[in-house]
Amino acid sequence: MAFEALDVGSDHKERRQIDVVLVTASRCHLCDDARTLLDELSGRYPLAIREVDLESDEGRSIANRLRVPFPPMLLLNGTYFAHGRLSRGKLAKALAEGVGLEEAL
C-alpha cells in the first residue's frame, strides 16, 4: 500500500505538513498495523508519508543509526518516534502537537 501526502489546501495554512518515514519489512504484521493507523490518521493530519523497506540501503542505514531491533520504525520530521506496535493515542497526540492543534482528535 502506498501512502500519499494529504492535500492541505489554503484552508489549512496554519497546519504544517509532517514528514513521516515508516521503515517496514515484508511479512510483518506490525508493519501492516502501522500502515493502517497512518492511513486512518492521514485524514485528520497533513502527513507526507514515505515507506522505506528495511532491506534497502536507506532502511538499513536508519535501523543502524537508531539501533532499533525490529520494524516498523516511525520517524516524524526526521526524528525517531517509535518502533514495534504503535500507540494510536501517543501518535495522535504527537501529530496534533506537530500541526498546532490544542489536543488530539
PDB file of N, CA and C in Angstrom:
ATOM      1  N   MET A   1       0.844  -1.173   0.000  1.00  0.00           N
ATOM      2  CA  MET A   1       0.000   0.000   0.000  1.00  0.00           C
ATOM      3  C   MET A   1       0.886   1.232   0.000  1.00  0.00           C
ATOM      4  N   ALA A   2       0.683   2.129  -0.913  1.00  0.00           N
ATOM      5  CA  ALA A   2       1.455   3.363  -0.975  1.00  0.00           C
ATOM      6  C   ALA A   2       0.679   4.484  -0.305  1.00  0.00           C
ATOM      7  N   PHE A   3       1.412   5.345   0.342  1.00  0.00           N
ATOM      8  CA  PHE A   3       0.792   6.483   1.001  1.00  0.00           C
ATOM      9  C   PHE A   3       1.089   7.732   0.185  1.00  0.00           C
ATOM     10  N   GLU A   4       0.165   8.651   0.201  1.00  0.00           N
ATOM     11  CA  GLU A   4       0.357   9.915  -0.488  1.00  0.00           C
ATOM     12  C   GLU A   4       0.156  11.049   0.499  1.00  0.00           C
ATOM     13  N   ALA A   5       0.782  12.178   0.207  1.00  0.00           N
ATOM     14  CA  ALA A   5       0.623  13.346   1.072  1.00  0.00           C
ATOM     15  C   ALA A   5      -0.804  13.864   0.967  1.00  0.00           C
ATOM     16  N   LEU A   6      -1.316  14.316   2.077  1.00  0.00           N
ATOM     17  CA  LEU A   6      -2.646  14.902   2.111  1.00  0.00           C
ATOM     18  C   LEU A   6      -2.583  16.296   1.532  1.00  0.00           C
ATOM     19  N   ASP A   7      -3.505  16.638   0.649  1.00  0.00           N
ATOM     20  CA  ASP A   7      -3.584  17.986   0.106  1.00  0.00           C
ATOM     21  C   ASP A   7      -4.094  18.897   1.203  1.00  0.00           C
ATOM     22  N   VAL A   8      -3.253  19.839   1.629  1.00  0.00           N
ATOM     23  CA  VAL A   8      -3.617  20.683   2.761  1.00  0.00           C
ATOM     24  C   VAL A   8      -4.186  22.025   2.326  1.00  0.00           C
ATOM     25  N   GLY A   9      -4.335  22.307   1.062  1.00  0.00           N
ATOM     26  CA  GLY A   9      -5.043  23.476   0.543  1.00  0.00           C
ATOM     27  C   GLY A   9      -4.948  24.748   1.370  1.00  0.00           C
ATOM     28  N   SER A  10      -5.543  25.802   0.904  1.00  0.00           N
ATOM     29  CA  SER A  10      -5.437  27.116   1.531  1.00  0.00           C
ATOM     30  C   SER A  10      -6.172  27.210   2.856  1.00  0.00           C
ATOM     31  N   ASP A  11      -7.191  26.386   3.093  1.00  0.00           N
ATOM     32  CA  ASP A  11      -7.925  26.461   4.349  1.00  0.00           C
ATOM     33  C   ASP A  11      -7.175  25.809   5.504  1.00  0.00           C
ATOM     34  N   HIS A  12      -6.013  25.215   5.224  1.00  0.00           N
ATOM     35  CA  HIS A  12      -5.230  24.582   6.275  1.00  0.00           C
ATOM     36  C   HIS A  12      -3.828  25.183   6.348  1.00  0.00           C
ATOM     37  N   LYS A  13      -3.668  26.470   6.043  1.00  0.00           N
ATOM     38  CA  LYS A  13      -2.348  27.084   6.006  1.00  0.00           C
ATOM     39  C   LYS A  13      -1.634  27.001   7.349  1.00  0.00           C
ATOM     40  N   GLU A  14      -2.385  27.078   8.443  1.00  0.00           N
ATOM     41  CA  GLU A  14      -1.763  27.048   9.763  1.00  0.00           C
ATOM     42  C   GLU A  14      -1.280  25.651  10.139  1.00  0.00           C
ATOM     43  N   ARG A  15      -1.673  24.652   9.400  1.00  0.00           N
ATOM     44  CA  ARG A  15      -1.286  23.271   9.702  1.00  0.00           C
ATOM     45  C   ARG A  15      -0.050  22.909   8.898  1.00  0.00           C
ATOM     46  N   ARG A  16       1.067  22.742   9.563  1.00  0.00           N
ATOM     47  CA  ARG A  16       2.318  22.388   8.899  1.00  0.00           C
ATOM     48  C   ARG A  16       2.317  20.916   8.529  1.00  0.00           C
ATOM     49  N   GLN A  17       2.829  20.627   7.356  1.00  0.00           N
ATOM     50  CA  GLN A  17       2.938  19.238   6.917  1.00  0.00           C
ATOM     51  C   GLN A  17       3.939  18.501   7.799  1.00  0.00           C
ATOM     52  N   ILE A  18       3.638  17.271   8.119  1.00  0.00           N
ATOM     53  CA  ILE A  18       4.521  16.438   8.922  1.00  0.00           C
ATOM     54  C   ILE A  18       5.087  15.349   8.019  1.00  0.00           C
ATOM     55  N   ASP A  19       6.414  15.299   7.941  1.00  0.00           N
ATOM     56  CA  ASP A  19       7.071  14.268   7.150  1.00  0.00           C
ATOM     57  C   ASP A  19       7.175  13.003   7.984  1.00  0.00           C
ATOM     58  N   VAL A  20       6.617  11.922   7.464  1.00  0.00           N
ATOM     59  CA  VAL A  20       6.583  10.641   8.167  1.00  0.00           C
ATOM     60  C   VAL A  20       7.362   9.622   7.345  1.00  0.00           C
ATOM     61  N   VAL A  21       8.313   8.961   8.000  1.00  0.00           N
ATOM     62  CA  VAL A  21       9.023   7.853   7.365  1.00  0.00           C
ATOM     63  C   VAL A  21       8.676   6.600   8.152  1.00  0.00           C
ATOM     64  N   LEU A  22       8.183   5.608   7.447  1.00  0.00           N
ATOM     65  CA  LEU A  22       7.827   4.328   8.040  1.00  0.00           C
ATOM     66  C   LEU A  22       8.748   3.266   7.449  1.00  0.00           C
ATOM     67  N   VAL A  23       9.603   2.691   8.294  1.00  0.00           N
ATOM     68  CA  VAL A  23      10.515   1.642   7.850  1.00  0.00           C
ATOM     69  C   VAL A  23       9.838   0.302   8.132  1.00  0.00           C
ATOM     70  N   THR A  24       9.683  -0.497   7.080  1.00  0.00           N
ATOM     71  CA  THR A  24       8.921  -1.740   7.177  1.00  0.00           C
ATOM     72  C   THR A  24       9.709  -2.933   6.654  1.00  0.00           C
ATOM     73  N   ALA A  25       9.206  -4.107   6.975  1.00  0.00           N
ATOM     74  CA  ALA A  25       9.775  -5.362   6.468  1.00  0.00           C
ATOM     75  C   ALA A  25       8.645  -6.190   5.877  1.00  0.00           C
ATOM     76  N   SER A  26       9.004  -7.106   4.997  1.00  0.00           N
ATOM     77  CA  SER A  26       7.987  -7.977   4.420  1.00  0.00           C
ATOM     78  C   SER A  26       7.485  -8.950   5.479  1.00  0.00           C
ATOM     79  N   ARG A  27       6.258  -9.378   5.312  1.00  0.00           N
ATOM     80  CA  ARG A  27       5.605 -10.321   6.224  1.00  0.00           C
ATOM     81  C   ARG A  27       5.656  -9.872   7.686  1.00  0.00           C
ATOM     82  N   CYS A  28       5.423  -8.588   7.906  1.00  0.00           N
ATOM     83  CA  CYS A  28       5.475  -8.012   9.250  1.00  0.00           C
ATOM     84  C   CYS A  28       4.082  -7.504   9.611  1.00  0.00           C
ATOM     85  N   HIS A  29       3.384  -8.203  10.511  1.00  0.00           N
ATOM     86  CA  HIS A  29       2.018  -7.797  10.846  1.00  0.00           C
ATOM     87  C   HIS A  29       1.997  -6.460  11.584  1.00  0.00           C
ATOM     88  N   LEU A  30       3.027  -6.132  12.340  1.00  0.00           N
ATOM     89  CA  LEU A  30       3.073  -4.820  12.997  1.00  0.00           C
ATOM     90  C   LEU A  30       3.238  -3.705  11.968  1.00  0.00           C
ATOM     91  N   CYS A  31       3.931  -4.008  10.874  1.00  0.00           N
ATOM     92  CA  CYS A  31       4.080  -3.039   9.782  1.00  0.00           C
ATOM     93  C   CYS A  31       2.723  -2.801   9.113  1.00  0.00           C
ATOM     94  N   ASP A  32       1.968  -3.872   8.920  1.00  0.00           N
ATOM     95  CA  ASP A  32       0.623  -3.745   8.349  1.00  0.00           C
ATOM     96  C   ASP A  32      -0.261  -2.884   9.253  1.00  0.00           C
ATOM     97  N   ASP A  33      -0.164  -3.117  10.563  1.00  0.00           N
ATOM     98  CA  ASP A  33      -0.942  -2.318  11.525  1.00  0.00           C
ATOM     99  C   ASP A  33      -0.534  -0.852  11.465  1.00  0.00           C
ATOM    100  N   ALA A  34       0.768  -0.590  11.352  1.00  0.00           N
ATOM    101  CA  ALA A  34       1.259   0.788  11.289  1.00  0.00           C
ATOM    102  C   ALA A  34       0.755   1.487  10.028  1.00  0.00           C
ATOM    103  N   ARG A  35       0.766   0.780   8.900  1.00  0.00           N
ATOM    104  CA  ARG A  35       0.255   1.356   7.650  1.00  0.00           C
ATOM    105  C   ARG A  35      -1.219   1.745   7.803  1.00  0.00           C
ATOM    106  N   THR A  36      -1.998   0.846   8.396  1.00  0.00           N
ATOM    107  CA  THR A  36      -3.424   1.095   8.587  1.00  0.00           C
ATOM    108  C   THR A  36      -3.646   2.308   9.490  1.00  0.00           C
ATOM    109  N   LEU A  37      -2.902   2.377  10.583  1.00  0.00           N
ATOM    110  CA  LEU A  37      -3.034   3.504  11.507  1.00  0.00           C
ATOM    111  C   LEU A  37      -2.672   4.816  10.833  1.00  0.00           C
ATOM    112  N   LEU A  38      -1.566   4.846  10.097  1.00  0.00           N
ATOM    113  CA  LEU A  38      -1.168   6.072   9.407  1.00  0.00           C
ATOM    114  C   LEU A  38      -2.175   6.459   8.337  1.00  0.00           C
ATOM    115  N   ASP A  39      -2.717   5.472   7.656  1.00  0.00           N
ATOM    116  CA  ASP A  39      -3.727   5.743   6.635  1.00  0.00           C
ATOM    117  C   ASP A  39      -4.948   6.400   7.277  1.00  0.00           C
ATOM    118  N   GLU A  40      -5.378   5.891   8.429  1.00  0.00           N
ATOM    119  CA  GLU A  40      -6.520   6.478   9.137  1.00  0.00           C
ATOM    120  C   GLU A  40      -6.215   7.900   9.610  1.00  0.00           C
ATOM    121  N   LEU A  41      -5.042   8.103  10.176  1.00  0.00           N
ATOM    122  CA  LEU A  41      -4.693   9.418  10.720  1.00  0.00           C
ATOM    123  C   LEU A  41      -4.401  10.455   9.637  1.00  0.00           C
ATOM    124  N   SER A  42      -4.077   9.992   8.443  1.00  0.00           N
ATOM    125  CA  SER A  42      -3.778  10.933   7.359  1.00  0.00           C
ATOM    126  C   SER A  42      -5.010  11.730   6.936  1.00  0.00           C
ATOM    127  N   GLY A  43      -6.193  11.273   7.311  1.00  0.00           N
ATOM    128  CA  GLY A  43      -7.405  12.031   7.031  1.00  0.00           C
ATOM    129  C   GLY A  43      -7.582  13.211   7.971  1.00  0.00           C
ATOM    130  N   ARG A  44      -6.890  13.199   9.101  1.00  0.00           N
ATOM    131  CA  ARG A  44      -7.008  14.274  10.095  1.00  0.00           C
ATOM    132  C   ARG A  44      -5.826  15.223  10.121  1.00  0.00           C
ATOM    133  N   TYR A  45      -4.678  14.711   9.708  1.00  0.00           N
ATOM    134  CA  TYR A  45      -3.444  15.488   9.821  1.00  0.00           C
ATOM    135  C   TYR A  45      -2.756  15.575   8.468  1.00  0.00           C
ATOM    136  N   PRO A  46      -2.029  16.663   8.222  1.00  0.00           N
ATOM    137  CA  PRO A  46      -1.339  16.833   6.929  1.00  0.00           C
ATOM    138  C   PRO A  46      -0.032  16.045   6.901  1.00  0.00           C
ATOM    139  N   LEU A  47      -0.129  14.779   6.555  1.00  0.00           N
ATOM    140  CA  LEU A  47       1.023  13.891   6.568  1.00  0.00           C
ATOM    141  C   LEU A  47       1.589  13.668   5.171  1.00  0.00           C
ATOM    142  N   ALA A  48       2.906  13.688   5.084  1.00  0.00           N
ATOM    143  CA  ALA A  48       3.610  13.277   3.866  1.00  0.00           C
ATOM    144  C   ALA A  48       4.312  11.980   4.253  1.00  0.00           C
ATOM    145  N   ILE A  49       3.695  10.853   3.926  1.00  0.00           N
ATOM    146  CA  ILE A  49       4.166   9.551   4.384  1.00  0.00           C
ATOM    147  C   ILE A  49       4.999   8.879   3.303  1.00  0.00           C
ATOM    148  N   ARG A  50       6.170   8.410   3.729  1.00  0.00           N
ATOM    149  CA  ARG A  50       7.054   7.681   2.814  1.00  0.00           C
ATOM    150  C   ARG A  50       7.444   6.382   3.496  1.00  0.00           C
ATOM    151  N   GLU A  51       7.256   5.295   2.780  1.00  0.00           N
ATOM    152  CA  GLU A  51       7.606   3.978   3.316  1.00  0.00           C
ATOM    153  C   GLU A  51       8.961   3.556   2.773  1.00  0.00           C
ATOM    154  N   VAL A  52       9.796   3.038   3.675  1.00  0.00           N
ATOM    155  CA  VAL A  52      11.144   2.597   3.313  1.00  0.00           C
ATOM    156  C   VAL A  52      11.278   1.132   3.713  1.00  0.00           C
ATOM    157  N   ASP A  53      11.748   0.301   2.794  1.00  0.00           N
ATOM    158  CA  ASP A  53      11.952  -1.116   3.075  1.00  0.00           C
ATOM    159  C   ASP A  53      13.202  -1.278   3.938  1.00  0.00           C
ATOM    160  N   LEU A  54      13.093  -2.044   4.994  1.00  0.00           N
ATOM    161  CA  LEU A  54      14.207  -2.285   5.899  1.00  0.00           C
ATOM    162  C   LEU A  54      15.408  -2.877   5.173  1.00  0.00           C
ATOM    163  N   GLU A  55      15.170  -3.653   4.112  1.00  0.00           N
ATOM    164  CA  GLU A  55      16.256  -4.295   3.375  1.00  0.00           C
ATOM    165  C   GLU A  55      16.949  -3.363   2.385  1.00  0.00           C
ATOM    166  N   SER A  56      16.428  -2.152   2.196  1.00  0.00           N
ATOM    167  CA  SER A  56      17.069  -1.191   1.298  1.00  0.00           C
ATOM    168  C   SER A  56      18.263  -0.554   2.015  1.00  0.00           C
ATOM    169  N   ASP A  57      19.129   0.092   1.251  1.00  0.00           N
ATOM    170  CA  ASP A  57      20.275   0.786   1.849  1.00  0.00           C
ATOM    171  C   ASP A  57      19.802   1.830   2.859  1.00  0.00           C
ATOM    172  N   GLU A  58      18.774   2.578   2.482  1.00  0.00           N
ATOM    173  CA  GLU A  58      18.255   3.611   3.382  1.00  0.00           C
ATOM    174  C   GLU A  58      17.651   2.985   4.648  1.00  0.00           C
ATOM    175  N   GLY A  59      16.912   1.908   4.487  1.00  0.00           N
ATOM    176  CA  GLY A  59      16.301   1.233   5.628  1.00  0.00           C
ATOM    177  C   GLY A  59      17.341   0.700   6.600  1.00  0.00           C
ATOM    178  N   ARG A  60      18.378   0.057   6.062  1.00  0.00           N
ATOM    179  CA  ARG A  60      19.464  -0.455   6.918  1.00  0.00           C
ATOM    180  C   ARG A  60      20.188   0.686   7.617  1.00  0.00           C
ATOM    181  N   SER A  61      20.384   1.777   6.894  1.00  0.00           N
ATOM    182  CA  SER A  61      21.059   2.940   7.478  1.00  0.00           C
ATOM    183  C   SER A  61      20.263   3.516   8.645  1.00  0.00           C
ATOM    184  N   ILE A  62      18.954   3.637   8.468  1.00  0.00           N
ATOM    185  CA  ILE A  62      18.091   4.156   9.544  1.00  0.00           C
ATOM    186  C   ILE A  62      18.134   3.217  10.746  1.00  0.00           C
ATOM    187  N   ALA A  63      17.991   1.917  10.513  1.00  0.00           N
ATOM    188  CA  ALA A  63      17.989   0.940  11.606  1.00  0.00           C
ATOM    189  C   ALA A  63      19.320   0.945  12.352  1.00  0.00           C
ATOM    190  N   ASN A  64      20.417   1.035  11.620  1.00  0.00           N
ATOM    191  CA  ASN A  64      21.735   1.057  12.260  1.00  0.00           C
ATOM    192  C   ASN A  64      21.943   2.345  13.059  1.00  0.00           C
ATOM    193  N   ARG A  65      21.526   3.455  12.485  1.00  0.00           N
ATOM    194  CA  ARG A  65      21.698   4.748  13.161  1.00  0.00           C
ATOM    195  C   ARG A  65      20.881   4.800  14.446  1.00  0.00           C
ATOM    196  N   LEU A  66      19.651   4.305  14.391  1.00  0.00           N
ATOM    197  CA  LEU A  66      18.762   4.355  15.553  1.00  0.00           C
ATOM    198  C   LEU A  66      18.974   3.177  16.507  1.00  0.00           C
ATOM    199  N   ARG A  67      19.650   2.128  16.019  1.00  0.00           N
ATOM    200  CA  ARG A  67      19.868   0.899  16.807  1.00  0.00           C
ATOM    201  C   ARG A  67      18.540   0.300  17.272  1.00  0.00           C
ATOM    202  N   VAL A  68      17.599   0.276  16.360  1.00  0.00           N
ATOM    203  CA  VAL A  68      16.279  -0.267  16.631  1.00  0.00           C
ATOM    204  C   VAL A  68      16.291  -1.743  16.253  1.00  0.00           C
ATOM    205  N   PRO A  69      15.808  -2.615  17.154  1.00  0.00           N
ATOM    206  CA  PRO A  69      15.929  -4.053  16.919  1.00  0.00           C
ATOM    207  C   PRO A  69      14.964  -4.652  15.903  1.00  0.00           C
ATOM    208  N   PHE A  70      13.799  -4.018  15.671  1.00  0.00           N
ATOM    209  CA  PHE A  70      12.840  -4.613  14.738  1.00  0.00           C
ATOM    210  C   PHE A  70      11.865  -3.553  14.229  1.00  0.00           C
ATOM    211  N   PRO A  71      11.268  -3.805  13.053  1.00  0.00           N
ATOM    212  CA  PRO A  71      10.306  -2.879  12.475  1.00  0.00           C
ATOM    213  C   PRO A  71       8.913  -3.072  13.056  1.00  0.00           C
ATOM    214  N   PRO A  72       8.010  -2.193  12.732  1.00  0.00           N
ATOM    215  CA  PRO A  72       8.232  -0.976  11.970  1.00  0.00           C
ATOM    216  C   PRO A  72       8.930   0.082  12.815  1.00  0.00           C
ATOM    217  N   MET A  73       9.588   0.989  12.119  1.00  0.00           N
ATOM    218  CA  MET A  73      10.208   2.146  12.756  1.00  0.00           C
ATOM    219  C   MET A  73       9.514   3.377  12.201  1.00  0.00           C
ATOM    220  N   LEU A  74       9.211   4.326  13.070  1.00  0.00           N
ATOM    221  CA  LEU A  74       8.493   5.520  12.647  1.00  0.00           C
ATOM    222  C   LEU A  74       9.299   6.753  13.010  1.00  0.00           C
ATOM    223  N   LEU A  75       9.532   7.597  12.009  1.00  0.00           N
ATOM    224  CA  LEU A  75      10.205   8.872  12.218  1.00  0.00           C
ATOM    225  C   LEU A  75       9.237   9.984  11.847  1.00  0.00           C
ATOM    226  N   LEU A  76       9.171  11.014  12.662  1.00  0.00           N
ATOM    227  CA  LEU A  76       8.347  12.190  12.390  1.00  0.00           C
ATOM    228  C   LEU A  76       9.278  13.373  12.208  1.00  0.00           C
ATOM    229  N   ASN A  77       9.208  13.997  11.042  1.00  0.00           N
ATOM    230  CA  ASN A  77      10.085  15.122  10.707  1.00  0.00           C
ATOM    231  C   ASN A  77      11.548  14.785  10.980  1.00  0.00           C
ATOM    232  N   GLY A  78      11.946  13.555  10.629  1.00  0.00           N
ATOM    233  CA  GLY A  78      13.330  13.137  10.746  1.00  0.00           C
ATOM    234  C   GLY A  78      13.764  12.672  12.120  1.00  0.00           C
ATOM    235  N   THR A  79      12.864  12.707  13.096  1.00  0.00           N
ATOM    236  CA  THR A  79      13.187  12.324  14.462  1.00  0.00           C
ATOM    237  C   THR A  79      12.513  11.005  14.804  1.00  0.00           C
ATOM    238  N   TYR A  80      13.273  10.120  15.452  1.00  0.00           N
ATOM    239  CA  TYR A  80      12.709   8.839  15.877  1.00  0.00           C
ATOM    240  C   TYR A  80      11.488   9.083  16.764  1.00  0.00           C
ATOM    241  N   PHE A  81      10.411   8.336  16.480  1.00  0.00           N
ATOM    242  CA  PHE A  81       9.205   8.423  17.298  1.00  0.00           C
ATOM    243  C   PHE A  81       8.944   7.115  18.039  1.00  0.00           C
ATOM    244  N   ALA A  82       8.931   6.001  17.310  1.00  0.00           N
ATOM    245  CA  ALA A  82       8.609   4.716  17.936  1.00  0.00           C
ATOM    246  C   ALA A  82       8.973   3.588  16.990  1.00  0.00           C
ATOM    247  N   HIS A  83       8.940   2.375  17.550  1.00  0.00           N
ATOM    248  CA  HIS A  83       9.075   1.174  16.724  1.00  0.00           C
ATOM    249  C   HIS A  83       8.196   0.087  17.334  1.00  0.00           C
ATOM    250  N   GLY A  84       7.974  -0.949  16.545  1.00  0.00           N
ATOM    251  CA  GLY A  84       7.107  -2.027  17.006  1.00  0.00           C
ATOM    252  C   GLY A  84       5.645  -1.613  16.936  1.00  0.00           C
ATOM    253  N   ARG A  85       4.859  -2.080  17.891  1.00  0.00           N
ATOM    254  CA  ARG A  85       3.429  -1.756  17.903  1.00  0.00           C
ATOM    255  C   ARG A  85       3.258  -0.282  18.256  1.00  0.00           C
ATOM    256  N   LEU A  86       2.631   0.478  17.356  1.00  0.00           N
ATOM    257  CA  LEU A  86       2.464   1.914  17.564  1.00  0.00           C
ATOM    258  C   LEU A  86       1.225   2.198  18.403  1.00  0.00           C
ATOM    259  N   SER A  87       1.357   3.129  19.321  1.00  0.00           N
ATOM    260  CA  SER A  87       0.236   3.561  20.153  1.00  0.00           C
ATOM    261  C   SER A  87      -0.559   4.621  19.409  1.00  0.00           C
ATOM    262  N   ARG A  88      -1.834   4.331  19.153  1.00  0.00           N
ATOM    263  CA  ARG A  88      -2.698   5.283  18.453  1.00  0.00           C
ATOM    264  C   ARG A  88      -2.771   6.603  19.207  1.00  0.00           C
ATOM    265  N   GLY A  89      -2.971   6.547  20.522  1.00  0.00           N
ATOM    266  CA  GLY A  89      -3.109   7.759  21.319  1.00  0.00           C
ATOM    267  C   GLY A  89      -1.844   8.593  21.337  1.00  0.00           C
ATOM    268  N   LYS A  90      -0.720   7.940  21.536  1.00  0.00           N
ATOM    269  CA  LYS A  90       0.559   8.650  21.580  1.00  0.00           C
ATOM    270  C   LYS A  90       0.865   9.293  20.226  1.00  0.00           C
ATOM    271  N   LEU A  91       0.607   8.567  19.149  1.00  0.00           N
ATOM    272  CA  LEU A  91       0.868   9.101  17.813  1.00  0.00           C
ATOM    273  C   LEU A  91      -0.077  10.250  17.494  1.00  0.00           C
ATOM    274  N   ALA A  92      -1.364  10.099  17.793  1.00  0.00           N
ATOM    275  CA  ALA A  92      -2.326  11.174  17.528  1.00  0.00           C
ATOM    276  C   ALA A  92      -1.952  12.431  18.310  1.00  0.00           C
ATOM    277  N   LYS A  93      -1.528  12.280  19.543  1.00  0.00           N
ATOM    278  CA  LYS A  93      -1.119  13.435  20.354  1.00  0.00           C
ATOM    279  C   LYS A  93       0.093  14.127  19.739  1.00  0.00           C
ATOM    280  N   ALA A  94       1.091  13.345  19.329  1.00  0.00           N
ATOM    281  CA  ALA A  94       2.288  13.913  18.712  1.00  0.00           C
ATOM    282  C   ALA A  94       1.951  14.627  17.407  1.00  0.00           C
ATOM    283  N   LEU A  95       1.067  14.033  16.609  1.00  0.00           N
ATOM    284  CA  LEU A  95       0.678  14.660  15.348  1.00  0.00           C
ATOM    285  C   LEU A  95      -0.089  15.952  15.607  1.00  0.00           C
ATOM    286  N   ALA A  96      -0.974  15.946  16.588  1.00  0.00           N
ATOM    287  CA  ALA A  96      -1.734  17.142  16.923  1.00  0.00           C
ATOM    288  C   ALA A  96      -0.797  18.257  17.354  1.00  0.00           C
ATOM    289  N   GLU A  97       0.180  17.936  18.169  1.00  0.00           N
ATOM    290  CA  GLU A  97       1.149  18.939  18.603  1.00  0.00           C
ATOM    291  C   GLU A  97       1.978  19.421  17.427  1.00  0.00           C
ATOM    292  N   GLY A  98       2.265  18.526  16.501  1.00  0.00           N
ATOM    293  CA  GLY A  98       3.064  18.875  15.332  1.00  0.00           C
ATOM    294  C   GLY A  98       2.357  19.775  14.355  1.00  0.00           C
ATOM    295  N   VAL A  99       1.053  19.783  14.367  1.00  0.00           N
ATOM    296  CA  VAL A  99       0.308  20.640  13.438  1.00  0.00           C
ATOM    297  C   VAL A  99      -0.351  21.810  14.163  1.00  0.00           C
ATOM    298  N   GLY A 100      -0.064  21.980  15.445  1.00  0.00           N
ATOM    299  CA  GLY A 100      -0.541  23.141  16.170  1.00  0.00           C
ATOM    300  C   GLY A 100      -1.966  23.043  16.667  1.00  0.00           C
ATOM    301  N   LEU A 101      -2.520  21.832  16.792  1.00  0.00           N
ATOM    302  CA  LEU A 101      -3.842  21.690  17.364  1.00  0.00           C
ATOM    303  C   LEU A 101      -3.724  21.637  18.866  1.00  0.00           C
ATOM    304  N   GLU A 102      -4.756  22.006  19.589  1.00  0.00           N
ATOM    305  CA  GLU A 102      -4.687  22.028  21.043  1.00  0.00           C
ATOM    306  C   GLU A 102      -4.705  20.642  21.653  1.00  0.00           C
ATOM    307  N   GLU A 103      -5.435  19.725  21.077  1.00  0.00           N
ATOM    308  CA  GLU A 103      -5.479  18.368  21.594  1.00  0.00           C
ATOM    309  C   GLU A 103      -5.727  17.394  20.470  1.00  0.00           C
ATOM    310  N   ALA A 104      -5.356  16.158  20.694  1.00  0.00           N
ATOM    311  CA  ALA A 104      -5.550  15.126  19.679  1.00  0.00           C
ATOM    312  C   ALA A 104      -7.034  14.893  19.454  1.00  0.00           C
ATOM    313  N   LEU A 105      -7.386  14.604  18.220  1.00  0.00           N
ATOM    314  CA  LEU A 105      -8.777  14.317  17.885  1.00  0.00           C
ATOM    315  C   LEU A 105      -9.126  12.906  18.230  1.00  0.00           C
TER     316      LEU A 105
END
